[in-house]
Amino acid sequence: MTFKLVKARRVRALPGYRLDLTFSDGSSGIADISEFVLSGGEVVQPLVDEAYFARVFLEMGVPTWPNGCDIDPTNARMKLEAAGLLKEQGAAA
């Protein structure tokens, strides 16, 4: 597995604490971050409310929520790649 430093170019919240992500290298995938959201930490607690979770936006290429909680796009990409869930740029849908 190769390590690519990437930013998110697009993010869309999906039900079940999943994010539809497109990265700066053109790859994309749907990341299930439910374990992170349900971890019980103070910063992630607001994300349990799916309406709040849906308020995700990009700040300098990083998926972020209004309370400042964010996820590392490079780590998200690496996890998708390791799980075989990453769609490479130009790959057939």
C-alpha atoms as a PDB file:
ATOM      1  CA  MET A   1       0.000   0.000   0.000  1.00  0.00           C
ATOM      2  CA  THR A   2       1.325   3.413  -0.917  1.00  0.00           C
ATOM      3  CA  PHE A   3       1.063   6.450   1.315  1.00  0.00           C
ATOM      4  CA  LYS A   4      -0.479   9.483  -0.370  1.00  0.00           C
ATOM      5  CA  LEU A   5      -0.924  12.770   1.413  1.00  0.00           C
ATOM      6  CA  VAL A   6      -4.346  13.948   0.242  1.00  0.00           C
ATOM      7  CA  LYS A   7      -7.030  16.457   1.027  1.00  0.00           C
ATOM      8  CA  ALA A   8     -10.737  15.910   0.619  1.00  0.00           C
ATOM      9  CA  ARG A   9     -12.169  17.653  -2.409  1.00  0.00           C
ATOM     10  CA  ARG A  10     -15.802  16.738  -1.685  1.00  0.00           C
ATOM     11  CA  VAL A  11     -17.683  15.346   1.305  1.00  0.00           C
ATOM     12  CA  ARG A  12     -21.294  14.295   1.717  1.00  0.00           C
ATOM     13  CA  ALA A  13     -22.835  12.769   4.829  1.00  0.00           C
ATOM     14  CA  LEU A  14     -24.760   9.521   4.417  1.00  0.00           C
ATOM     15  CA  PRO A  15     -26.998   7.689   6.898  1.00  0.00           C
ATOM     16  CA  GLY A  16     -25.294   5.404   9.398  1.00  0.00           C
ATOM     17  CA  TYR A  17     -22.383   7.748  10.113  1.00  0.00           C
ATOM     18  CA  ARG A  18     -20.831   7.308   6.688  1.00  0.00           C
ATOM     19  CA  LEU A  19     -19.079   9.889   4.545  1.00  0.00           C
ATOM     20  CA  ASP A  20     -18.966   9.886   0.754  1.00  0.00           C
ATOM     21  CA  LEU A  21     -15.501  11.306   0.102  1.00  0.00           C
ATOM     22  CA  THR A  22     -13.631  12.399  -3.007  1.00  0.00           C
ATOM     23  CA  PHE A  23      -9.942  13.061  -2.498  1.00  0.00           C
ATOM     24  CA  SER A  24      -7.515  15.461  -4.159  1.00  0.00           C
ATOM     25  CA  ASP A  25      -5.921  12.622  -6.144  1.00  0.00           C
ATOM     26  CA  GLY A  26      -9.310  11.852  -7.728  1.00  0.00           C
ATOM     27  CA  SER A  27      -9.947   8.671  -5.746  1.00  0.00           C
ATOM     28  CA  SER A  28     -13.167   8.274  -3.786  1.00  0.00           C
ATOM     29  CA  GLY A  29     -15.016   6.013  -1.411  1.00  0.00           C
ATOM     30  CA  ILE A  30     -17.592   5.739   1.330  1.00  0.00           C
ATOM     31  CA  ALA A  31     -16.016   5.754   4.774  1.00  0.00           C
ATOM     32  CA  ASP A  32     -17.937   4.246   7.684  1.00  0.00           C
ATOM     33  CA  ILE A  33     -16.874   6.335  10.668  1.00  0.00           C
ATOM     34  CA  SER A  34     -19.534   5.001  13.046  1.00  0.00           C
ATOM     35  CA  GLU A  35     -16.919   3.596  15.432  1.00  0.00           C
ATOM     36  CA  PHE A  36     -15.350   7.059  15.706  1.00  0.00           C
ATOM     37  CA  VAL A  37     -18.718   8.808  16.165  1.00  0.00           C
ATOM     38  CA  LEU A  38     -19.933   6.321  18.772  1.00  0.00           C
ATOM     39  CA  SER A  39     -16.636   6.297  20.703  1.00  0.00           C
ATOM     40  CA  GLY A  40     -18.206   8.504  23.364  1.00  0.00           C
ATOM     41  CA  GLY A  41     -15.650  11.278  23.357  1.00  0.00           C
ATOM     42  CA  GLU A  42     -16.781  14.774  24.289  1.00  0.00           C
ATOM     43  CA  VAL A  43     -15.856  16.269  20.901  1.00  0.00           C
ATOM     44  CA  VAL A  44     -17.634  13.584  18.866  1.00  0.00           C
ATOM     45  CA  GLN A  45     -20.767  13.455  21.046  1.00  0.00           C
ATOM     46  CA  PRO A  46     -22.695  16.044  18.952  1.00  0.00           C
ATOM     47  CA  LEU A  47     -22.126  13.920  15.816  1.00  0.00           C
ATOM     48  CA  VAL A  48     -24.340  11.158  17.239  1.00  0.00           C
ATOM     49  CA  ASP A  49     -27.292  13.331  16.182  1.00  0.00           C
ATOM     50  CA  GLU A  50     -27.524  12.462  12.470  1.00  0.00           C
ATOM     51  CA  ALA A  51     -28.854  15.949  11.652  1.00  0.00           C
ATOM     52  CA  TYR A  52     -25.693  17.411  13.182  1.00  0.00           C
ATOM     53  CA  PHE A  53     -23.537  14.752  11.495  1.00  0.00           C
ATOM     54  CA  ALA A  54     -25.018  15.879   8.170  1.00  0.00           C
ATOM     55  CA  ARG A  55     -23.593  19.380   8.745  1.00  0.00           C
ATOM     56  CA  VAL A  56     -20.110  18.202   7.729  1.00  0.00           C
ATOM     57  CA  PHE A  57     -18.203  20.606   5.485  1.00  0.00           C
ATOM     58  CA  LEU A  58     -14.679  20.981   4.128  1.00  0.00           C
ATOM     59  CA  GLU A  59     -12.217  23.295   5.830  1.00  0.00           C
ATOM     60  CA  MET A  60      -8.914  23.458   3.972  1.00  0.00           C
ATOM     61  CA  GLY A  61      -9.520  19.975   2.578  1.00  0.00           C
ATOM     62  CA  VAL A  62     -10.463  18.402   5.912  1.00  0.00           C
ATOM     63  CA  PRO A  63     -13.958  17.048   6.692  1.00  0.00           C
ATOM     64  CA  THR A  64     -15.055  19.165   9.663  1.00  0.00           C
ATOM     65  CA  TRP A  65     -18.145  19.775  11.785  1.00  0.00           C
ATOM     66  CA  PRO A  66     -19.299  23.100  13.274  1.00  0.00           C
ATOM     67  CA  ASN A  67     -17.884  22.226  16.721  1.00  0.00           C
ATOM     68  CA  GLY A  68     -14.369  21.824  15.269  1.00  0.00           C
ATOM     69  CA  CYS A  69     -14.360  18.020  15.240  1.00  0.00           C
ATOM     70  CA  ASP A  70     -12.659  16.721  12.095  1.00  0.00           C
ATOM     71  CA  ILE A  71     -11.225  13.600  10.490  1.00  0.00           C
ATOM     72  CA  ASP A  72      -7.885  13.208   8.750  1.00  0.00           C
ATOM     73  CA  PRO A  73      -8.508  12.747   5.009  1.00  0.00           C
ATOM     74  CA  THR A  74      -5.201  10.921   4.464  1.00  0.00           C
ATOM     75  CA  ASN A  75      -6.063   8.397   7.175  1.00  0.00           C
ATOM     76  CA  ALA A  76      -9.586   7.965   5.772  1.00  0.00           C
ATOM     77  CA  ARG A  77      -8.129   7.295   2.311  1.00  0.00           C
ATOM     78  CA  MET A  78      -5.613   4.789   3.670  1.00  0.00           C
ATOM     79  CA  LYS A  79      -8.364   2.877   5.532  1.00  0.00           C
ATOM     80  CA  LEU A  80     -10.538   2.765   2.409  1.00  0.00           C
ATOM     81  CA  GLU A  81      -7.592   1.525   0.347  1.00  0.00           C
ATOM     82  CA  ALA A  82      -6.672  -1.141   2.916  1.00  0.00           C
ATOM     83  CA  ALA A  83     -10.281  -2.378   2.984  1.00  0.00           C
ATOM     84  CA  GLY A  84     -10.456  -2.530  -0.824  1.00  0.00           C
ATOM     85  CA  LEU A  85     -13.157   0.169  -0.848  1.00  0.00           C
ATOM     86  CA  LEU A  86     -11.226   2.928  -2.611  1.00  0.00           C
ATOM     87  CA  LYS A  87     -12.252   3.792  -6.159  1.00  0.00           C
ATOM     88  CA  GLU A  88      -9.255   5.067  -8.095  1.00  0.00           C
ATOM     89  CA  GLN A  89      -9.606   7.964 -10.501  1.00  0.00           C
ATOM     90  CA  GLY A  90     -10.845   6.787 -13.873  1.00  0.00           C
ATOM     91  CA  ALA A  91     -11.954   3.394 -12.557  1.00  0.00           C
ATOM     92  CA  ALA A  92     -15.225   2.064 -13.893  1.00  0.00           C
ATOM     93  CA  ALA A  93     -18.158   2.723 -11.608  1.00  0.00           C
END
